[in-house]
N, C-alpha and C. Protein backbone atom coordinates (compact mmCIF):
# COMPACT_ATOMS: atom_id res chain seq x y z
N MET A 1 0.81 -1.18 0.00
CA MET A 1 0.00 0.00 0.00
C MET A 1 0.86 1.25 0.00
N SER A 2 1.94 1.25 0.75
CA SER A 2 2.77 2.45 0.83
C SER A 2 3.51 2.72 -0.48
N SER A 3 3.79 1.70 -1.27
CA SER A 3 4.50 1.94 -2.52
C SER A 3 3.63 2.71 -3.51
N LYS A 4 2.32 2.48 -3.50
CA LYS A 4 1.42 3.25 -4.37
C LYS A 4 1.37 4.70 -3.91
N ARG A 5 1.33 4.91 -2.61
CA ARG A 5 1.31 6.27 -2.06
C ARG A 5 2.65 6.96 -2.35
N ASP A 6 3.74 6.23 -2.20
CA ASP A 6 5.06 6.79 -2.49
C ASP A 6 5.17 7.19 -3.96
N LEU A 7 4.60 6.40 -4.83
CA LEU A 7 4.60 6.71 -6.26
C LEU A 7 3.79 7.98 -6.55
N GLN A 8 2.67 8.12 -5.88
CA GLN A 8 1.85 9.32 -6.06
C GLN A 8 2.59 10.56 -5.56
N ILE A 9 3.24 10.44 -4.43
CA ILE A 9 3.99 11.58 -3.87
C ILE A 9 5.16 11.94 -4.80
N ALA A 10 5.86 10.94 -5.30
CA ALA A 10 6.98 11.20 -6.21
C ALA A 10 6.48 11.85 -7.50
N SER A 11 5.35 11.38 -8.03
CA SER A 11 4.79 11.97 -9.25
C SER A 11 4.39 13.42 -9.02
N LEU A 12 3.75 13.69 -7.89
CA LEU A 12 3.35 15.06 -7.55
C LEU A 12 4.58 15.95 -7.40
N LEU A 13 5.60 15.44 -6.75
CA LEU A 13 6.83 16.21 -6.57
C LEU A 13 7.49 16.52 -7.92
N ILE A 14 7.51 15.56 -8.82
CA ILE A 14 8.07 15.78 -10.16
C ILE A 14 7.29 16.86 -10.90
N ILE A 15 5.98 16.80 -10.82
CA ILE A 15 5.14 17.80 -11.49
C ILE A 15 5.38 19.19 -10.93
N VAL A 16 5.45 19.31 -9.59
CA VAL A 16 5.69 20.60 -8.95
C VAL A 16 7.06 21.15 -9.36
N LEU A 17 8.08 20.29 -9.34
CA LEU A 17 9.42 20.75 -9.71
C LEU A 17 9.49 21.13 -11.19
N LEU A 18 8.79 20.40 -12.03
CA LEU A 18 8.75 20.72 -13.46
C LEU A 18 8.09 22.08 -13.68
N ILE A 19 6.98 22.33 -13.03
CA ILE A 19 6.30 23.63 -13.15
C ILE A 19 7.18 24.75 -12.62
N ALA A 20 7.85 24.52 -11.49
CA ALA A 20 8.75 25.53 -10.93
C ALA A 20 9.91 25.81 -11.88
N GLY A 21 10.46 24.77 -12.49
CA GLY A 21 11.57 24.96 -13.43
C GLY A 21 11.15 25.74 -14.66
N ILE A 22 9.99 25.41 -15.22
CA ILE A 22 9.49 26.12 -16.40
C ILE A 22 9.22 27.58 -16.06
N THR A 23 8.63 27.82 -14.89
CA THR A 23 8.34 29.19 -14.46
C THR A 23 9.63 30.00 -14.30
N CYS A 24 10.63 29.42 -13.67
CA CYS A 24 11.91 30.13 -13.49
C CYS A 24 12.59 30.39 -14.83
N TYR A 25 12.53 29.43 -15.73
CA TYR A 25 13.14 29.60 -17.05
C TYR A 25 12.46 30.74 -17.80
N ALA A 26 11.14 30.82 -17.72
CA ALA A 26 10.40 31.87 -18.42
C ALA A 26 10.58 33.22 -17.75
N ALA A 27 10.70 33.25 -16.44
CA ALA A 27 10.80 34.50 -15.70
C ALA A 27 12.20 35.13 -15.79
N PHE A 28 13.21 34.32 -16.00
CA PHE A 28 14.59 34.82 -16.02
C PHE A 28 15.28 34.41 -17.31
N PRO A 29 14.93 35.05 -18.44
CA PRO A 29 15.57 34.68 -19.71
C PRO A 29 17.04 35.11 -19.71
N PRO A 30 17.85 34.44 -20.51
CA PRO A 30 19.26 34.83 -20.58
C PRO A 30 19.38 36.23 -21.17
N PRO A 31 20.40 36.98 -20.76
CA PRO A 31 20.55 38.34 -21.28
C PRO A 31 20.86 38.33 -22.77
N SER A 32 20.36 39.33 -23.47
CA SER A 32 20.65 39.46 -24.90
C SER A 32 22.06 39.98 -25.07
N PRO A 33 22.77 39.50 -26.10
CA PRO A 33 24.12 40.00 -26.33
C PRO A 33 24.09 41.46 -26.77
N GLU A 34 25.14 42.20 -26.42
CA GLU A 34 25.21 43.61 -26.82
C GLU A 34 25.34 43.75 -28.33
N GLN A 35 26.10 42.87 -28.95
CA GLN A 35 26.28 42.88 -30.40
C GLN A 35 25.43 41.78 -31.01
N PRO A 36 24.87 42.01 -32.19
CA PRO A 36 24.12 40.93 -32.85
C PRO A 36 25.03 39.74 -33.10
N VAL A 37 24.48 38.55 -33.03
CA VAL A 37 25.28 37.34 -33.21
C VAL A 37 25.28 36.91 -34.67
N ARG A 38 24.11 36.56 -35.18
CA ARG A 38 23.98 36.12 -36.57
C ARG A 38 22.71 36.71 -37.17
N ILE A 39 22.75 36.89 -38.48
CA ILE A 39 21.58 37.37 -39.20
C ILE A 39 21.39 36.46 -40.41
N MET A 40 20.16 36.07 -40.66
CA MET A 40 19.84 35.27 -41.83
C MET A 40 19.15 36.17 -42.84
N PHE A 41 19.79 36.38 -43.98
CA PHE A 41 19.21 37.19 -45.05
C PHE A 41 18.46 36.27 -46.01
N GLN A 42 17.21 36.59 -46.28
CA GLN A 42 16.39 35.83 -47.22
C GLN A 42 16.57 36.46 -48.59
N THR A 43 17.11 35.71 -49.53
CA THR A 43 17.32 36.24 -50.88
C THR A 43 16.73 35.28 -51.91
N SER A 44 16.55 35.76 -53.12
CA SER A 44 16.01 34.90 -54.18
C SER A 44 17.02 33.84 -54.60
N ALA A 45 18.30 34.06 -54.34
CA ALA A 45 19.33 33.10 -54.73
C ALA A 45 19.63 32.09 -53.62
N GLY A 46 18.96 32.20 -52.49
CA GLY A 46 19.21 31.33 -51.35
C GLY A 46 19.54 32.15 -50.12
N LYS A 47 19.32 31.58 -48.97
CA LYS A 47 19.57 32.29 -47.72
C LYS A 47 21.06 32.49 -47.49
N VAL A 48 21.39 33.64 -46.87
CA VAL A 48 22.77 33.96 -46.54
C VAL A 48 22.85 34.17 -45.03
N LEU A 49 23.72 33.40 -44.36
CA LEU A 49 23.92 33.53 -42.92
C LEU A 49 25.14 34.41 -42.68
N PHE A 50 24.93 35.51 -41.98
CA PHE A 50 26.02 36.44 -41.69
C PHE A 50 26.33 36.40 -40.20
N GLY A 51 27.59 36.22 -39.85
CA GLY A 51 28.01 36.19 -38.45
C GLY A 51 28.74 37.46 -38.06
N HIS A 52 28.15 38.24 -37.15
CA HIS A 52 28.81 39.45 -36.68
C HIS A 52 30.09 39.12 -35.90
N ALA A 53 30.04 38.08 -35.07
CA ALA A 53 31.18 37.77 -34.20
C ALA A 53 32.46 37.54 -35.00
N SER A 54 32.38 36.80 -36.08
CA SER A 54 33.59 36.52 -36.86
C SER A 54 34.11 37.78 -37.53
N HIS A 55 33.22 38.63 -38.01
CA HIS A 55 33.67 39.85 -38.69
C HIS A 55 34.24 40.87 -37.72
N ILE A 56 33.65 40.98 -36.56
CA ILE A 56 34.14 41.95 -35.57
C ILE A 56 35.36 41.42 -34.85
N GLY A 57 35.30 40.15 -34.42
CA GLY A 57 36.39 39.57 -33.63
C GLY A 57 37.59 39.16 -34.45
N GLU A 58 37.38 38.34 -35.47
CA GLU A 58 38.49 37.79 -36.24
C GLU A 58 39.10 38.78 -37.22
N TYR A 59 38.29 39.67 -37.77
CA TYR A 59 38.77 40.57 -38.80
C TYR A 59 38.94 42.00 -38.31
N ASP A 60 38.65 42.22 -37.02
CA ASP A 60 38.86 43.52 -36.38
C ASP A 60 38.13 44.65 -37.11
N LEU A 61 36.91 44.38 -37.54
CA LEU A 61 36.10 45.41 -38.18
C LEU A 61 35.26 46.13 -37.13
N SER A 62 34.90 47.34 -37.41
CA SER A 62 33.99 48.06 -36.53
C SER A 62 32.63 48.15 -37.21
N CYS A 63 31.63 48.57 -36.48
CA CYS A 63 30.28 48.69 -37.04
C CYS A 63 30.28 49.63 -38.25
N LYS A 64 31.07 50.70 -38.17
CA LYS A 64 31.08 51.70 -39.24
C LYS A 64 31.69 51.18 -40.54
N ASP A 65 32.41 50.08 -40.48
CA ASP A 65 32.97 49.52 -41.71
C ASP A 65 31.86 49.04 -42.64
N CYS A 66 30.76 48.59 -42.09
CA CYS A 66 29.64 48.12 -42.92
C CYS A 66 28.45 49.08 -42.84
N HIS A 67 28.14 49.52 -41.61
CA HIS A 67 27.02 50.44 -41.42
C HIS A 67 27.54 51.87 -41.60
N HIS A 68 27.51 52.33 -42.83
CA HIS A 68 28.13 53.60 -43.17
C HIS A 68 27.28 54.80 -42.78
N ASN A 69 26.13 54.58 -42.16
CA ASN A 69 25.22 55.68 -41.84
C ASN A 69 25.03 55.82 -40.34
N LEU A 70 26.10 55.79 -39.57
CA LEU A 70 26.00 55.86 -38.12
C LEU A 70 26.21 57.27 -37.58
N ASP A 71 25.95 58.28 -38.39
CA ASP A 71 26.21 59.65 -37.96
C ASP A 71 25.38 60.06 -36.75
N ASP A 72 24.16 59.56 -36.66
CA ASP A 72 23.31 59.95 -35.54
C ASP A 72 23.29 58.89 -34.44
N GLU A 73 24.29 58.03 -34.39
CA GLU A 73 24.47 57.01 -33.35
C GLU A 73 23.38 55.94 -33.35
N LYS A 74 22.53 55.90 -34.34
CA LYS A 74 21.53 54.84 -34.45
C LYS A 74 21.98 53.90 -35.55
N THR A 75 21.88 52.61 -35.31
CA THR A 75 22.25 51.62 -36.32
C THR A 75 21.03 51.28 -37.15
N TYR A 76 21.14 51.50 -38.44
CA TYR A 76 20.05 51.21 -39.36
C TYR A 76 20.28 49.87 -40.03
N ARG A 77 19.20 49.21 -40.38
CA ARG A 77 19.31 48.02 -41.22
C ARG A 77 19.54 48.50 -42.64
N CYS A 78 20.19 47.69 -43.43
CA CYS A 78 20.45 48.05 -44.84
C CYS A 78 19.14 48.34 -45.57
N SER A 79 18.12 47.53 -45.26
CA SER A 79 16.84 47.68 -45.95
C SER A 79 16.07 48.93 -45.53
N ASP A 80 16.55 49.65 -44.52
CA ASP A 80 15.91 50.92 -44.16
C ASP A 80 16.10 51.96 -45.26
N CYS A 81 17.20 51.87 -45.98
CA CYS A 81 17.48 52.82 -47.06
C CYS A 81 17.46 52.15 -48.44
N HIS A 82 18.05 50.96 -48.52
CA HIS A 82 18.16 50.26 -49.80
C HIS A 82 16.92 49.41 -50.01
N GLU A 83 16.26 49.61 -51.14
CA GLU A 83 15.06 48.83 -51.46
C GLU A 83 15.40 47.73 -52.45
N LYS A 84 14.41 46.92 -52.81
CA LYS A 84 14.64 45.81 -53.74
C LYS A 84 15.14 46.31 -55.09
N THR A 85 14.59 47.42 -55.54
CA THR A 85 15.06 48.00 -56.80
C THR A 85 15.76 49.31 -56.50
N GLY A 86 16.85 49.55 -57.19
CA GLY A 86 17.62 50.76 -56.96
C GLY A 86 17.40 51.79 -58.06
N ASP A 87 18.09 52.91 -57.91
CA ASP A 87 18.08 53.94 -58.94
C ASP A 87 19.45 54.60 -58.96
N ASP A 88 19.57 55.73 -59.63
CA ASP A 88 20.87 56.40 -59.76
C ASP A 88 21.39 56.91 -58.41
N ASP A 89 20.47 57.26 -57.50
CA ASP A 89 20.87 57.83 -56.21
C ASP A 89 21.14 56.77 -55.14
N MET A 90 20.46 55.65 -55.23
CA MET A 90 20.56 54.64 -54.18
C MET A 90 20.59 53.25 -54.82
N PRO A 91 21.67 52.48 -54.59
CA PRO A 91 21.72 51.14 -55.16
C PRO A 91 20.68 50.22 -54.51
N SER A 92 20.28 49.19 -55.22
CA SER A 92 19.33 48.23 -54.67
C SER A 92 19.97 47.52 -53.48
N LEU A 93 19.15 46.87 -52.70
CA LEU A 93 19.65 46.13 -51.54
C LEU A 93 20.64 45.06 -51.97
N SER A 94 20.32 44.34 -53.02
CA SER A 94 21.20 43.29 -53.53
C SER A 94 22.53 43.88 -54.00
N ASP A 95 22.48 44.97 -54.75
CA ASP A 95 23.71 45.60 -55.24
C ASP A 95 24.55 46.14 -54.09
N ALA A 96 23.90 46.70 -53.08
CA ALA A 96 24.63 47.24 -51.92
C ALA A 96 25.35 46.13 -51.18
N PHE A 97 24.66 44.99 -50.95
CA PHE A 97 25.30 43.86 -50.28
C PHE A 97 26.47 43.33 -51.09
N HIS A 98 26.24 43.11 -52.39
CA HIS A 98 27.30 42.56 -53.21
C HIS A 98 28.50 43.50 -53.29
N THR A 99 28.25 44.79 -53.40
CA THR A 99 29.36 45.75 -53.46
C THR A 99 30.14 45.77 -52.16
N LYS A 100 29.42 45.87 -51.04
CA LYS A 100 30.07 45.99 -49.73
C LYS A 100 30.73 44.67 -49.32
N CYS A 101 29.97 43.59 -49.33
CA CYS A 101 30.47 42.30 -48.83
C CYS A 101 31.49 41.67 -49.76
N LYS A 102 31.09 41.45 -50.99
CA LYS A 102 31.99 40.80 -51.95
C LYS A 102 33.20 41.68 -52.21
N GLY A 103 32.98 43.00 -52.28
CA GLY A 103 34.10 43.92 -52.49
C GLY A 103 35.12 43.84 -51.37
N CYS A 104 34.66 43.78 -50.14
CA CYS A 104 35.56 43.67 -48.99
C CYS A 104 36.30 42.34 -49.02
N HIS A 105 35.59 41.27 -49.34
CA HIS A 105 36.24 39.96 -49.43
C HIS A 105 37.33 39.95 -50.49
N GLU A 106 37.05 40.56 -51.64
CA GLU A 106 38.05 40.60 -52.71
C GLU A 106 39.22 41.49 -52.34
N ASP A 107 38.95 42.65 -51.75
CA ASP A 107 40.01 43.59 -51.38
C ASP A 107 40.96 43.00 -50.34
N ASN A 108 40.42 42.23 -49.40
CA ASN A 108 41.23 41.70 -48.31
C ASN A 108 41.69 40.27 -48.53
N GLY A 109 41.27 39.67 -49.61
CA GLY A 109 41.69 38.31 -49.90
C GLY A 109 41.18 37.29 -48.90
N SER A 110 40.06 37.59 -48.26
CA SER A 110 39.48 36.64 -47.31
C SER A 110 37.97 36.65 -47.45
N GLY A 111 37.37 35.53 -47.19
CA GLY A 111 35.92 35.44 -47.30
C GLY A 111 35.51 34.97 -48.67
N PRO A 112 34.29 34.46 -48.76
CA PRO A 112 33.81 33.92 -50.03
C PRO A 112 33.48 35.01 -51.04
N VAL A 113 33.68 34.69 -52.32
CA VAL A 113 33.32 35.61 -53.40
C VAL A 113 32.47 34.92 -54.46
N GLU A 114 32.34 33.60 -54.39
CA GLU A 114 31.51 32.87 -55.33
C GLU A 114 30.07 32.81 -54.80
N CYS A 115 29.12 32.82 -55.69
CA CYS A 115 27.69 32.84 -55.31
C CYS A 115 27.35 31.74 -54.32
N ASN A 116 27.71 30.50 -54.65
CA ASN A 116 27.30 29.38 -53.81
C ASN A 116 28.11 29.27 -52.52
N SER A 117 29.04 30.17 -52.29
CA SER A 117 29.76 30.20 -51.02
C SER A 117 28.96 30.95 -49.95
N CYS A 118 28.19 31.95 -50.35
CA CYS A 118 27.36 32.71 -49.40
C CYS A 118 25.92 32.21 -49.42
N HIS A 119 25.40 31.99 -50.60
CA HIS A 119 24.00 31.56 -50.76
C HIS A 119 23.94 30.04 -50.63
N VAL A 120 24.04 29.56 -49.40
CA VAL A 120 24.18 28.13 -49.19
C VAL A 120 22.94 27.47 -48.59
N LEU A 121 22.04 28.20 -48.06
CA LEU A 121 20.89 27.60 -47.35
C LEU A 121 19.63 27.68 -48.16
């Protein structure tokens, strides 16, 4: 008789601890990193995964090396200014990425420059 009662108590204790663990996990989320970690760009040629950590840490780049519009201390997304189609005053989003990213890779002799090296997903 006591083994059935012991099983019920153990089951209740497991349920209470599980609920407490889920509540603590939801109430105390891990802190967000100060710098973005990775960004997934959705493109017609395939998804491109960009890692901030490797570019900032390994290549010693600063935010201003890519985000050329930091004059007012706010970081803008590329798509805030560059649209899908460009004109004489503003290159398209695709052209801006290819010029900035591929151009930097070619100039520094590091990083992928072939289409299927970036558009892999």
